[in-house]
Amino acid sequence: MKVEVELLQTDGKGNFTYRAHTNDGASISNPTVAGTYGVASNGRLNSLGRLGPVFYVVDTNEGFGIGTSTNVTSSFFEPQSTEPFSNASLNASYFFGQAVPSAEAFQFQTGEFTLDGAGNVSGTSDAINGSSDALSPAQSWSGQTYAISSTGRGTLSYNGDVVSILYVISPTRWVSIDIGPPNNVPSYPELQLSLE
């Protein structure tokens, strides 16, 4: 299974830059691409370089994509709040869960936590191992921290180890993917959607 979060920046004149973080079966990469695009009268985006999926615009700066390979893939994009961002951009209580549950036998997780605007995380989560059905309820998020760059890209860390990459969409909404849990536990490719 493969998941990816990305920051796609367009200039309204046909040019784009793209930076992503990808977890492909625990293989982590961060591709970057620059190129040109066009929007057809039916909303289809053309010429997005190597960005395989076909995208359609459904509203200003909002749309969806579908893959063109033999794998089943889908995606969406939406506008990001105005930069610059900082740790103070996320200062609320959020709930989270996987945006699209996987058919793979990985761990599924949901929960709630609070980001305090100063880089500290508190809260709890519940997880179930998809291959053994073992439930891990009320897991504490104490010891977690976060850091947000001016572009909205951030990290979640546990005891100093970066475990997730996140992208802020707005102060009430962000996405993240696992990139390397502590203690060398294999990283599971999950897209997490967090909402205030």
N, C-alpha and C. Protein backbone atom coordinates (compact mmCIF):
# COMPACT_ATOMS: atom_id res chain seq x y z
N MET A 1 0.84 -1.18 0.00
CA MET A 1 0.00 0.00 0.00
C MET A 1 0.89 1.24 0.00
N LYS A 2 0.44 2.28 -0.68
CA LYS A 2 1.21 3.51 -0.81
C LYS A 2 0.32 4.70 -0.48
N VAL A 3 0.85 5.63 0.32
CA VAL A 3 0.15 6.89 0.58
C VAL A 3 1.13 8.04 0.38
N GLU A 4 0.56 9.20 0.08
CA GLU A 4 1.40 10.36 -0.18
C GLU A 4 0.66 11.61 0.24
N VAL A 5 1.38 12.54 0.87
CA VAL A 5 0.87 13.88 1.13
C VAL A 5 1.77 14.85 0.39
N GLU A 6 1.19 15.91 -0.13
CA GLU A 6 2.00 16.80 -0.97
C GLU A 6 1.53 18.23 -0.88
N LEU A 7 2.44 19.11 -1.23
CA LEU A 7 2.14 20.53 -1.34
C LEU A 7 2.32 20.90 -2.80
N LEU A 8 1.22 21.20 -3.48
CA LEU A 8 1.22 21.59 -4.89
C LEU A 8 0.97 23.08 -4.95
N GLN A 9 1.92 23.82 -5.48
CA GLN A 9 1.79 25.27 -5.59
C GLN A 9 1.71 25.66 -7.06
N THR A 10 0.69 26.42 -7.40
CA THR A 10 0.48 26.89 -8.77
C THR A 10 0.47 28.40 -8.78
N ASP A 11 0.80 28.98 -9.94
CA ASP A 11 0.88 30.45 -10.01
C ASP A 11 -0.27 31.08 -10.79
N GLY A 12 -1.24 30.28 -11.23
CA GLY A 12 -2.35 30.82 -12.01
C GLY A 12 -1.98 31.16 -13.44
N LYS A 13 -0.70 30.91 -13.83
CA LYS A 13 -0.22 31.21 -15.18
C LYS A 13 0.29 29.96 -15.89
N GLY A 14 0.01 28.78 -15.31
CA GLY A 14 0.41 27.54 -15.96
C GLY A 14 1.66 26.90 -15.42
N ASN A 15 2.21 27.37 -14.31
CA ASN A 15 3.41 26.79 -13.73
C ASN A 15 3.10 26.22 -12.35
N PHE A 16 3.75 25.10 -12.01
CA PHE A 16 3.55 24.51 -10.70
C PHE A 16 4.85 23.97 -10.13
N THR A 17 4.87 23.86 -8.81
CA THR A 17 5.91 23.12 -8.10
C THR A 17 5.19 22.17 -7.16
N TYR A 18 5.85 21.06 -6.88
CA TYR A 18 5.22 19.98 -6.15
C TYR A 18 6.26 19.34 -5.24
N ARG A 19 5.95 19.24 -3.97
CA ARG A 19 6.82 18.55 -3.02
C ARG A 19 5.96 17.59 -2.23
N ALA A 20 6.43 16.34 -2.09
CA ALA A 20 5.62 15.33 -1.45
C ALA A 20 6.44 14.51 -0.46
N HIS A 21 5.72 13.78 0.36
CA HIS A 21 6.29 12.73 1.20
C HIS A 21 5.47 11.48 0.94
N THR A 22 6.17 10.40 0.63
CA THR A 22 5.53 9.15 0.23
C THR A 22 5.96 8.02 1.14
N ASN A 23 5.01 7.20 1.54
CA ASN A 23 5.27 5.96 2.27
C ASN A 23 4.73 4.84 1.39
N ASP A 24 5.63 4.10 0.77
CA ASP A 24 5.26 3.02 -0.14
C ASP A 24 5.70 1.70 0.50
N GLY A 25 4.81 1.11 1.31
CA GLY A 25 5.14 -0.13 1.99
C GLY A 25 6.33 0.02 2.92
N ALA A 26 6.43 1.15 3.61
CA ALA A 26 7.50 1.49 4.55
C ALA A 26 8.76 1.98 3.85
N SER A 27 8.73 2.15 2.53
CA SER A 27 9.83 2.80 1.82
C SER A 27 9.48 4.28 1.70
N ILE A 28 10.29 5.14 2.33
CA ILE A 28 9.98 6.57 2.44
C ILE A 28 10.75 7.35 1.39
N SER A 29 10.06 8.26 0.69
CA SER A 29 10.73 9.14 -0.27
C SER A 29 10.05 10.50 -0.22
N ASN A 30 10.71 11.51 -0.78
CA ASN A 30 10.11 12.84 -0.85
C ASN A 30 10.40 13.46 -2.22
N PRO A 31 9.61 13.06 -3.23
CA PRO A 31 9.82 13.59 -4.58
C PRO A 31 9.47 15.07 -4.70
N THR A 32 10.16 15.75 -5.60
CA THR A 32 9.85 17.13 -5.95
C THR A 32 9.78 17.23 -7.46
N VAL A 33 8.87 18.03 -7.96
CA VAL A 33 8.67 18.20 -9.40
C VAL A 33 8.30 19.65 -9.67
N ALA A 34 8.76 20.19 -10.78
CA ALA A 34 8.31 21.50 -11.26
C ALA A 34 7.93 21.33 -12.72
N GLY A 35 6.91 22.06 -13.16
CA GLY A 35 6.49 21.93 -14.55
C GLY A 35 5.37 22.88 -14.88
N THR A 36 4.63 22.53 -15.91
CA THR A 36 3.53 23.37 -16.37
C THR A 36 2.22 22.58 -16.34
N TYR A 37 1.12 23.32 -16.32
CA TYR A 37 -0.20 22.69 -16.33
C TYR A 37 -1.15 23.53 -17.16
N GLY A 38 -2.26 22.94 -17.52
CA GLY A 38 -3.33 23.65 -18.20
C GLY A 38 -4.65 23.10 -17.70
N VAL A 39 -5.70 23.89 -17.76
CA VAL A 39 -7.03 23.45 -17.33
C VAL A 39 -7.96 23.53 -18.54
N ALA A 40 -8.53 22.37 -18.91
CA ALA A 40 -9.47 22.31 -20.04
C ALA A 40 -10.83 22.87 -19.62
N SER A 41 -11.68 23.15 -20.58
CA SER A 41 -12.99 23.73 -20.28
C SER A 41 -13.86 22.80 -19.42
N ASN A 42 -13.58 21.49 -19.45
CA ASN A 42 -14.34 20.55 -18.63
C ASN A 42 -13.73 20.36 -17.23
N GLY A 43 -12.67 21.13 -16.91
CA GLY A 43 -12.05 21.08 -15.60
C GLY A 43 -10.89 20.11 -15.48
N ARG A 44 -10.58 19.39 -16.54
CA ARG A 44 -9.48 18.44 -16.46
C ARG A 44 -8.15 19.17 -16.51
N LEU A 45 -7.26 18.80 -15.57
CA LEU A 45 -5.90 19.36 -15.57
C LEU A 45 -5.04 18.57 -16.55
N ASN A 46 -4.27 19.28 -17.34
CA ASN A 46 -3.39 18.65 -18.32
C ASN A 46 -1.93 18.93 -17.97
N SER A 47 -1.07 18.02 -18.35
CA SER A 47 0.39 18.22 -18.31
C SER A 47 0.93 18.50 -16.92
N LEU A 48 0.61 17.64 -15.95
CA LEU A 48 1.19 17.80 -14.62
C LEU A 48 2.44 16.93 -14.47
N GLY A 49 3.26 16.92 -15.48
CA GLY A 49 4.52 16.21 -15.40
C GLY A 49 4.34 14.73 -15.11
N ARG A 50 5.09 14.22 -14.13
CA ARG A 50 5.05 12.81 -13.80
C ARG A 50 3.95 12.45 -12.81
N LEU A 51 3.07 13.37 -12.51
CA LEU A 51 2.06 13.14 -11.47
C LEU A 51 0.95 12.23 -11.96
N GLY A 52 1.25 11.05 -12.40
CA GLY A 52 0.39 10.01 -12.93
C GLY A 52 -1.11 10.20 -12.93
N PRO A 53 -1.77 10.54 -11.79
CA PRO A 53 -3.23 10.61 -11.83
C PRO A 53 -3.76 11.69 -12.77
N VAL A 54 -4.99 11.49 -13.21
CA VAL A 54 -5.73 12.50 -13.97
C VAL A 54 -6.52 13.31 -12.95
N PHE A 55 -6.38 14.64 -12.98
CA PHE A 55 -7.04 15.51 -12.02
C PHE A 55 -8.16 16.31 -12.68
N TYR A 56 -9.23 16.55 -11.92
CA TYR A 56 -10.32 17.41 -12.36
C TYR A 56 -10.56 18.48 -11.30
N VAL A 57 -10.70 19.71 -11.73
CA VAL A 57 -11.03 20.81 -10.84
C VAL A 57 -12.54 20.83 -10.64
N VAL A 58 -12.99 20.91 -9.38
CA VAL A 58 -14.42 20.96 -9.10
C VAL A 58 -14.85 22.30 -8.52
N ASP A 59 -13.87 23.10 -8.09
CA ASP A 59 -14.13 24.43 -7.55
C ASP A 59 -12.80 25.17 -7.57
N THR A 60 -12.79 26.43 -7.21
CA THR A 60 -11.54 27.18 -7.18
C THR A 60 -10.54 26.48 -6.25
N ASN A 61 -9.39 26.07 -6.81
CA ASN A 61 -8.32 25.42 -6.06
C ASN A 61 -8.75 24.13 -5.36
N GLU A 62 -9.71 23.43 -5.90
CA GLU A 62 -10.18 22.19 -5.28
C GLU A 62 -10.52 21.18 -6.36
N GLY A 63 -10.14 19.93 -6.14
CA GLY A 63 -10.43 18.91 -7.13
C GLY A 63 -10.08 17.52 -6.65
N PHE A 64 -10.13 16.56 -7.57
CA PHE A 64 -9.84 15.18 -7.24
C PHE A 64 -9.04 14.56 -8.38
N GLY A 65 -8.41 13.44 -8.07
CA GLY A 65 -7.63 12.73 -9.07
C GLY A 65 -7.93 11.25 -9.02
N ILE A 66 -7.68 10.59 -10.13
CA ILE A 66 -7.82 9.14 -10.22
C ILE A 66 -6.62 8.61 -10.98
N GLY A 67 -6.10 7.47 -10.51
CA GLY A 67 -4.89 6.91 -11.09
C GLY A 67 -5.09 6.38 -12.49
N THR A 68 -3.99 6.28 -13.22
CA THR A 68 -4.03 5.76 -14.59
C THR A 68 -3.26 4.45 -14.71
N SER A 69 -2.77 3.91 -13.59
CA SER A 69 -2.04 2.64 -13.63
C SER A 69 -3.00 1.49 -13.34
N THR A 70 -2.48 0.27 -13.25
CA THR A 70 -3.31 -0.89 -12.94
C THR A 70 -3.66 -0.95 -11.46
N ASN A 71 -3.02 -0.12 -10.62
CA ASN A 71 -3.36 -0.06 -9.20
C ASN A 71 -4.55 0.86 -8.99
N VAL A 72 -5.31 0.63 -7.94
CA VAL A 72 -6.44 1.48 -7.62
C VAL A 72 -5.91 2.66 -6.82
N THR A 73 -6.00 3.87 -7.39
CA THR A 73 -5.52 5.06 -6.70
C THR A 73 -6.53 6.18 -6.84
N SER A 74 -6.57 7.01 -5.82
CA SER A 74 -7.41 8.21 -5.87
C SER A 74 -6.74 9.28 -5.02
N SER A 75 -7.13 10.52 -5.25
CA SER A 75 -6.54 11.63 -4.52
C SER A 75 -7.49 12.82 -4.55
N PHE A 76 -7.19 13.81 -3.74
CA PHE A 76 -7.95 15.05 -3.74
C PHE A 76 -6.99 16.18 -3.43
N PHE A 77 -7.37 17.38 -3.81
CA PHE A 77 -6.60 18.56 -3.41
C PHE A 77 -7.57 19.66 -3.02
N GLU A 78 -7.11 20.50 -2.11
CA GLU A 78 -7.92 21.60 -1.61
C GLU A 78 -7.01 22.76 -1.25
N PRO A 79 -7.57 23.96 -1.16
CA PRO A 79 -6.73 25.13 -0.90
C PRO A 79 -6.18 25.12 0.52
N GLN A 80 -4.98 25.64 0.64
CA GLN A 80 -4.33 25.78 1.93
C GLN A 80 -4.52 27.21 2.42
N SER A 81 -4.63 27.37 3.75
CA SER A 81 -4.71 28.72 4.32
C SER A 81 -3.47 29.52 3.94
N THR A 82 -3.56 30.81 4.07
CA THR A 82 -2.45 31.69 3.73
C THR A 82 -1.26 31.49 4.65
N GLU A 83 -0.06 31.39 4.06
CA GLU A 83 1.17 31.31 4.83
C GLU A 83 1.46 32.68 5.45
N PRO A 84 2.41 32.81 6.36
CA PRO A 84 3.26 31.75 6.90
C PRO A 84 2.58 31.01 8.04
N PHE A 85 3.03 29.75 8.26
CA PHE A 85 2.55 28.92 9.35
C PHE A 85 3.61 28.85 10.44
N SER A 86 3.20 28.37 11.60
CA SER A 86 4.12 28.15 12.72
C SER A 86 3.44 27.16 13.66
N ASN A 87 4.10 26.82 14.77
CA ASN A 87 3.46 25.94 15.75
C ASN A 87 2.14 26.51 16.24
N ALA A 88 2.05 27.84 16.31
CA ALA A 88 0.82 28.49 16.78
C ALA A 88 -0.36 28.28 15.82
N SER A 89 -0.09 27.84 14.58
CA SER A 89 -1.16 27.60 13.61
C SER A 89 -2.05 26.44 14.03
N LEU A 90 -1.53 25.50 14.82
CA LEU A 90 -2.31 24.38 15.32
C LEU A 90 -2.40 24.52 16.84
N ASN A 91 -3.52 25.05 17.30
CA ASN A 91 -3.71 25.33 18.71
C ASN A 91 -5.16 25.02 19.06
N ALA A 92 -5.47 23.70 19.15
CA ALA A 92 -6.85 23.28 19.39
C ALA A 92 -6.85 21.80 19.74
N SER A 93 -8.04 21.27 20.02
CA SER A 93 -8.23 19.83 20.18
C SER A 93 -8.74 19.28 18.86
N TYR A 94 -8.18 18.15 18.43
CA TYR A 94 -8.50 17.54 17.14
C TYR A 94 -8.89 16.08 17.35
N PHE A 95 -9.71 15.56 16.43
CA PHE A 95 -9.89 14.12 16.37
C PHE A 95 -9.26 13.66 15.07
N PHE A 96 -8.86 12.41 15.01
CA PHE A 96 -8.20 11.93 13.81
C PHE A 96 -8.54 10.47 13.54
N GLY A 97 -8.33 10.07 12.30
CA GLY A 97 -8.51 8.69 11.87
C GLY A 97 -8.03 8.58 10.44
N GLN A 98 -7.99 7.36 9.95
CA GLN A 98 -7.56 7.16 8.57
C GLN A 98 -8.63 7.69 7.63
N ALA A 99 -8.17 8.44 6.62
CA ALA A 99 -9.12 9.03 5.67
C ALA A 99 -9.77 7.96 4.82
N VAL A 100 -9.01 6.96 4.41
CA VAL A 100 -9.53 5.87 3.60
C VAL A 100 -9.04 4.56 4.21
N PRO A 101 -9.90 3.80 4.89
CA PRO A 101 -9.44 2.54 5.49
C PRO A 101 -8.87 1.61 4.43
N SER A 102 -7.83 0.92 4.80
CA SER A 102 -7.14 0.03 3.88
C SER A 102 -7.67 -1.38 4.01
N ALA A 103 -7.60 -2.14 2.91
CA ALA A 103 -7.94 -3.56 2.95
C ALA A 103 -6.77 -4.38 3.46
N GLU A 104 -5.60 -3.74 3.63
CA GLU A 104 -4.42 -4.44 4.12
C GLU A 104 -4.56 -4.72 5.61
N ALA A 105 -3.86 -5.73 6.08
CA ALA A 105 -3.93 -6.13 7.50
C ALA A 105 -2.94 -5.32 8.34
N PHE A 106 -3.06 -4.02 8.31
CA PHE A 106 -2.21 -3.15 9.09
C PHE A 106 -2.96 -2.68 10.33
N GLN A 107 -2.32 -1.83 11.10
CA GLN A 107 -2.95 -1.27 12.28
C GLN A 107 -3.84 -0.10 11.91
N PHE A 108 -5.05 -0.08 12.46
CA PHE A 108 -5.97 1.01 12.25
C PHE A 108 -6.08 1.78 13.56
N GLN A 109 -6.18 3.11 13.47
CA GLN A 109 -6.10 3.92 14.67
C GLN A 109 -7.01 5.13 14.55
N THR A 110 -7.60 5.51 15.67
CA THR A 110 -8.38 6.74 15.76
C THR A 110 -8.19 7.30 17.16
N GLY A 111 -8.44 8.58 17.32
CA GLY A 111 -8.27 9.16 18.65
C GLY A 111 -8.51 10.66 18.66
N GLU A 112 -8.12 11.26 19.77
CA GLU A 112 -8.24 12.71 19.93
C GLU A 112 -6.99 13.20 20.61
N PHE A 113 -6.56 14.39 20.24
CA PHE A 113 -5.44 14.99 20.93
C PHE A 113 -5.51 16.50 20.83
N THR A 114 -4.70 17.13 21.68
CA THR A 114 -4.65 18.58 21.74
C THR A 114 -3.25 19.04 21.39
N LEU A 115 -3.14 20.00 20.49
CA LEU A 115 -1.89 20.67 20.17
C LEU A 115 -2.00 22.05 20.80
N ASP A 116 -0.97 22.43 21.57
CA ASP A 116 -1.11 23.61 22.42
C ASP A 116 -0.60 24.92 21.80
N GLY A 117 -0.21 24.89 20.52
CA GLY A 117 0.29 26.11 19.88
C GLY A 117 1.75 26.37 20.16
N ALA A 118 2.37 25.56 21.04
CA ALA A 118 3.77 25.74 21.41
C ALA A 118 4.61 24.49 21.14
N GLY A 119 4.03 23.51 20.42
CA GLY A 119 4.80 22.32 20.05
C GLY A 119 4.57 21.10 20.91
N ASN A 120 3.60 21.14 21.82
CA ASN A 120 3.35 20.01 22.71
C ASN A 120 2.03 19.32 22.37
N VAL A 121 2.00 17.99 22.53
CA VAL A 121 0.83 17.18 22.19
C VAL A 121 0.38 16.41 23.42
N SER A 122 -0.94 16.33 23.62
CA SER A 122 -1.52 15.46 24.64
C SER A 122 -2.76 14.82 24.06
N GLY A 123 -3.17 13.69 24.61
CA GLY A 123 -4.37 13.02 24.13
C GLY A 123 -4.26 11.52 24.21
N THR A 124 -5.25 10.83 23.64
CA THR A 124 -5.27 9.37 23.63
C THR A 124 -5.74 8.86 22.28
N SER A 125 -5.41 7.61 21.99
CA SER A 125 -5.88 6.97 20.76
C SER A 125 -6.19 5.51 21.03
N ASP A 126 -6.99 4.94 20.16
CA ASP A 126 -7.32 3.51 20.19
C ASP A 126 -6.87 2.90 18.88
N ALA A 127 -6.24 1.74 18.95
CA ALA A 127 -5.74 1.09 17.75
C ALA A 127 -6.12 -0.38 17.76
N ILE A 128 -6.23 -0.94 16.57
CA ILE A 128 -6.46 -2.37 16.43
C ILE A 128 -5.53 -2.89 15.36
N ASN A 129 -4.90 -4.01 15.63
CA ASN A 129 -4.02 -4.65 14.67
C ASN A 129 -4.88 -5.45 13.70
N GLY A 130 -4.83 -5.10 12.42
CA GLY A 130 -5.68 -5.74 11.43
C GLY A 130 -5.40 -7.20 11.19
N SER A 131 -4.20 -7.68 11.52
CA SER A 131 -3.89 -9.09 11.28
C SER A 131 -4.20 -9.98 12.48
N SER A 132 -4.21 -9.39 13.69
CA SER A 132 -4.45 -10.22 14.88
C SER A 132 -5.72 -9.81 15.64
N ASP A 133 -6.34 -8.71 15.26
CA ASP A 133 -7.50 -8.16 15.96
C ASP A 133 -7.20 -7.77 17.40
N ALA A 134 -5.92 -7.57 17.73
CA ALA A 134 -5.55 -7.16 19.08
C ALA A 134 -5.85 -5.67 19.25
N LEU A 135 -6.65 -5.33 20.26
CA LEU A 135 -7.04 -3.95 20.53
C LEU A 135 -6.08 -3.32 21.52
N SER A 136 -5.64 -2.10 21.23
CA SER A 136 -4.79 -1.33 22.13
C SER A 136 -5.54 -0.04 22.47
N PRO A 137 -6.38 -0.06 23.51
CA PRO A 137 -7.20 1.11 23.83
C PRO A 137 -6.45 2.15 24.66
N ALA A 138 -6.91 3.39 24.58
CA ALA A 138 -6.46 4.49 25.44
C ALA A 138 -4.94 4.63 25.51
N GLN A 139 -4.31 4.67 24.33
CA GLN A 139 -2.87 4.88 24.27
C GLN A 139 -2.55 6.35 24.46
N SER A 140 -1.64 6.67 25.36
CA SER A 140 -1.31 8.06 25.68
C SER A 140 -0.41 8.67 24.62
N TRP A 141 -0.64 9.95 24.33
CA TRP A 141 0.21 10.71 23.41
C TRP A 141 1.20 11.57 24.17
N SER A 142 1.36 11.35 25.48
CA SER A 142 2.34 12.13 26.22
C SER A 142 3.73 11.83 25.70
N GLY A 143 4.60 12.83 25.68
CA GLY A 143 5.93 12.67 25.12
C GLY A 143 6.02 13.03 23.66
N GLN A 144 4.87 13.33 23.03
CA GLN A 144 4.85 13.72 21.62
C GLN A 144 5.02 15.23 21.50
N THR A 145 5.69 15.65 20.45
CA THR A 145 5.82 17.07 20.14
C THR A 145 5.58 17.27 18.65
N TYR A 146 5.38 18.52 18.25
CA TYR A 146 5.22 18.83 16.83
C TYR A 146 5.97 20.11 16.51
N ALA A 147 6.32 20.25 15.22
CA ALA A 147 7.00 21.45 14.73
C ALA A 147 6.48 21.75 13.34
N ILE A 148 6.06 22.99 13.11
CA ILE A 148 5.47 23.41 11.83
C ILE A 148 6.36 24.46 11.18
N SER A 149 6.69 24.25 9.89
CA SER A 149 7.48 25.24 9.16
C SER A 149 6.57 26.32 8.58
N SER A 150 7.16 27.34 8.01
CA SER A 150 6.38 28.45 7.46
C SER A 150 5.51 28.04 6.28
N THR A 151 5.85 26.93 5.58
CA THR A 151 5.06 26.45 4.44
C THR A 151 3.89 25.58 4.87
N GLY A 152 3.82 25.21 6.16
CA GLY A 152 2.77 24.32 6.64
C GLY A 152 3.21 22.88 6.75
N ARG A 153 4.42 22.56 6.27
CA ARG A 153 4.94 21.20 6.45
C ARG A 153 5.42 21.07 7.88
N GLY A 154 5.11 19.95 8.51
CA GLY A 154 5.52 19.77 9.89
C GLY A 154 5.88 18.35 10.21
N THR A 155 6.29 18.13 11.45
CA THR A 155 6.64 16.80 11.92
C THR A 155 5.98 16.56 13.27
N LEU A 156 5.63 15.30 13.51
CA LEU A 156 5.23 14.83 14.83
C LEU A 156 6.35 13.94 15.32
N SER A 157 6.80 14.14 16.54
CA SER A 157 7.92 13.37 17.09
C SER A 157 7.52 12.72 18.40
N TYR A 158 8.14 11.57 18.67
CA TYR A 158 7.94 10.86 19.93
C TYR A 158 9.30 10.63 20.56
N ASN A 159 9.49 11.19 21.75
CA ASN A 159 10.78 11.08 22.44
C ASN A 159 11.95 11.49 21.54
N GLY A 160 11.74 12.53 20.72
CA GLY A 160 12.79 13.06 19.87
C GLY A 160 12.91 12.42 18.50
N ASP A 161 12.19 11.31 18.24
CA ASP A 161 12.23 10.64 16.93
C ASP A 161 11.04 11.08 16.09
N VAL A 162 11.30 11.55 14.85
CA VAL A 162 10.21 11.94 13.96
C VAL A 162 9.45 10.68 13.53
N VAL A 163 8.14 10.66 13.76
CA VAL A 163 7.32 9.49 13.43
C VAL A 163 6.32 9.77 12.30
N SER A 164 5.99 11.06 12.08
CA SER A 164 5.02 11.41 11.04
C SER A 164 5.38 12.74 10.41
N ILE A 165 5.03 12.87 9.13
CA ILE A 165 5.10 14.15 8.42
C ILE A 165 3.68 14.65 8.27
N LEU A 166 3.47 15.92 8.51
CA LEU A 166 2.13 16.48 8.35
C LEU A 166 2.17 17.73 7.50
N TYR A 167 1.03 18.03 6.90
CA TYR A 167 0.84 19.26 6.15
C TYR A 167 -0.41 19.95 6.66
N VAL A 168 -0.26 21.21 7.07
CA VAL A 168 -1.38 21.99 7.56
C VAL A 168 -2.19 22.49 6.37
N ILE A 169 -3.48 22.22 6.38
CA ILE A 169 -4.39 22.76 5.37
C ILE A 169 -4.96 24.08 5.89
N SER A 170 -5.36 24.06 7.15
CA SER A 170 -5.85 25.25 7.84
C SER A 170 -5.70 25.00 9.34
N PRO A 171 -5.95 25.99 10.19
CA PRO A 171 -5.84 25.75 11.63
C PRO A 171 -6.80 24.68 12.15
N THR A 172 -7.81 24.30 11.37
CA THR A 172 -8.77 23.29 11.81
C THR A 172 -8.64 21.96 11.07
N ARG A 173 -7.66 21.84 10.15
CA ARG A 173 -7.61 20.64 9.30
C ARG A 173 -6.18 20.40 8.82
N TRP A 174 -5.71 19.14 8.95
CA TRP A 174 -4.39 18.78 8.45
C TRP A 174 -4.32 17.28 8.19
N VAL A 175 -3.33 16.88 7.41
CA VAL A 175 -3.13 15.46 7.08
C VAL A 175 -1.71 15.06 7.46
N SER A 176 -1.52 13.77 7.72
CA SER A 176 -0.19 13.27 8.06
C SER A 176 -0.04 11.84 7.58
N ILE A 177 1.22 11.42 7.45
CA ILE A 177 1.52 10.01 7.18
C ILE A 177 2.64 9.57 8.11
N ASP A 178 2.61 8.30 8.46
CA ASP A 178 3.67 7.71 9.26
C ASP A 178 4.91 7.56 8.39
N ILE A 179 6.07 7.89 8.97
CA ILE A 179 7.31 7.70 8.22
C ILE A 179 8.36 6.90 8.98
N GLY A 180 8.14 6.57 10.21
CA GLY A 180 9.15 5.82 10.93
C GLY A 180 8.94 5.85 12.42
N PRO A 181 8.07 4.97 12.95
CA PRO A 181 7.87 4.93 14.39
C PRO A 181 9.16 4.63 15.13
N PRO A 182 9.23 4.98 16.42
CA PRO A 182 10.44 4.72 17.19
C PRO A 182 10.70 3.24 17.36
N ASN A 183 11.87 2.91 17.85
CA ASN A 183 12.28 1.54 18.14
C ASN A 183 12.33 0.67 16.90
N ASN A 184 12.52 1.30 15.72
CA ASN A 184 12.67 0.57 14.46
C ASN A 184 11.46 -0.29 14.12
N VAL A 185 10.30 0.06 14.62
CA VAL A 185 9.08 -0.65 14.23
C VAL A 185 8.77 -0.28 12.79
N PRO A 186 8.44 -1.23 11.92
CA PRO A 186 8.16 -0.90 10.53
C PRO A 186 7.05 0.14 10.42
N SER A 187 7.22 1.05 9.51
CA SER A 187 6.24 2.12 9.30
C SER A 187 5.09 1.62 8.44
N TYR A 188 3.86 1.86 8.88
CA TYR A 188 2.71 1.47 8.11
C TYR A 188 2.21 2.66 7.30
N PRO A 189 1.97 2.46 6.02
CA PRO A 189 1.49 3.58 5.20
C PRO A 189 0.03 3.90 5.47
N GLU A 190 -0.21 4.92 6.25
CA GLU A 190 -1.55 5.35 6.58
C GLU A 190 -1.67 6.84 6.36
N LEU A 191 -2.73 7.26 5.74
CA LEU A 191 -3.04 8.68 5.64
C LEU A 191 -3.98 9.01 6.78
N GLN A 192 -3.57 9.92 7.63
CA GLN A 192 -4.40 10.34 8.75
C GLN A 192 -4.97 11.72 8.45
N LEU A 193 -6.25 11.88 8.68
CA LEU A 193 -6.92 13.17 8.51
C LEU A 193 -7.32 13.67 9.88
N SER A 194 -6.90 14.89 10.24
CA SER A 194 -7.18 15.44 11.56
C SER A 194 -8.03 16.68 11.44
N LEU A 195 -9.10 16.76 12.23
CA LEU A 195 -10.05 17.86 12.18
C LEU A 195 -10.30 18.39 13.58
N GLU A 196 -10.52 19.71 13.67
CA GLU A 196 -10.85 20.32 14.95
C GLU A 196 -12.31 20.01 15.26
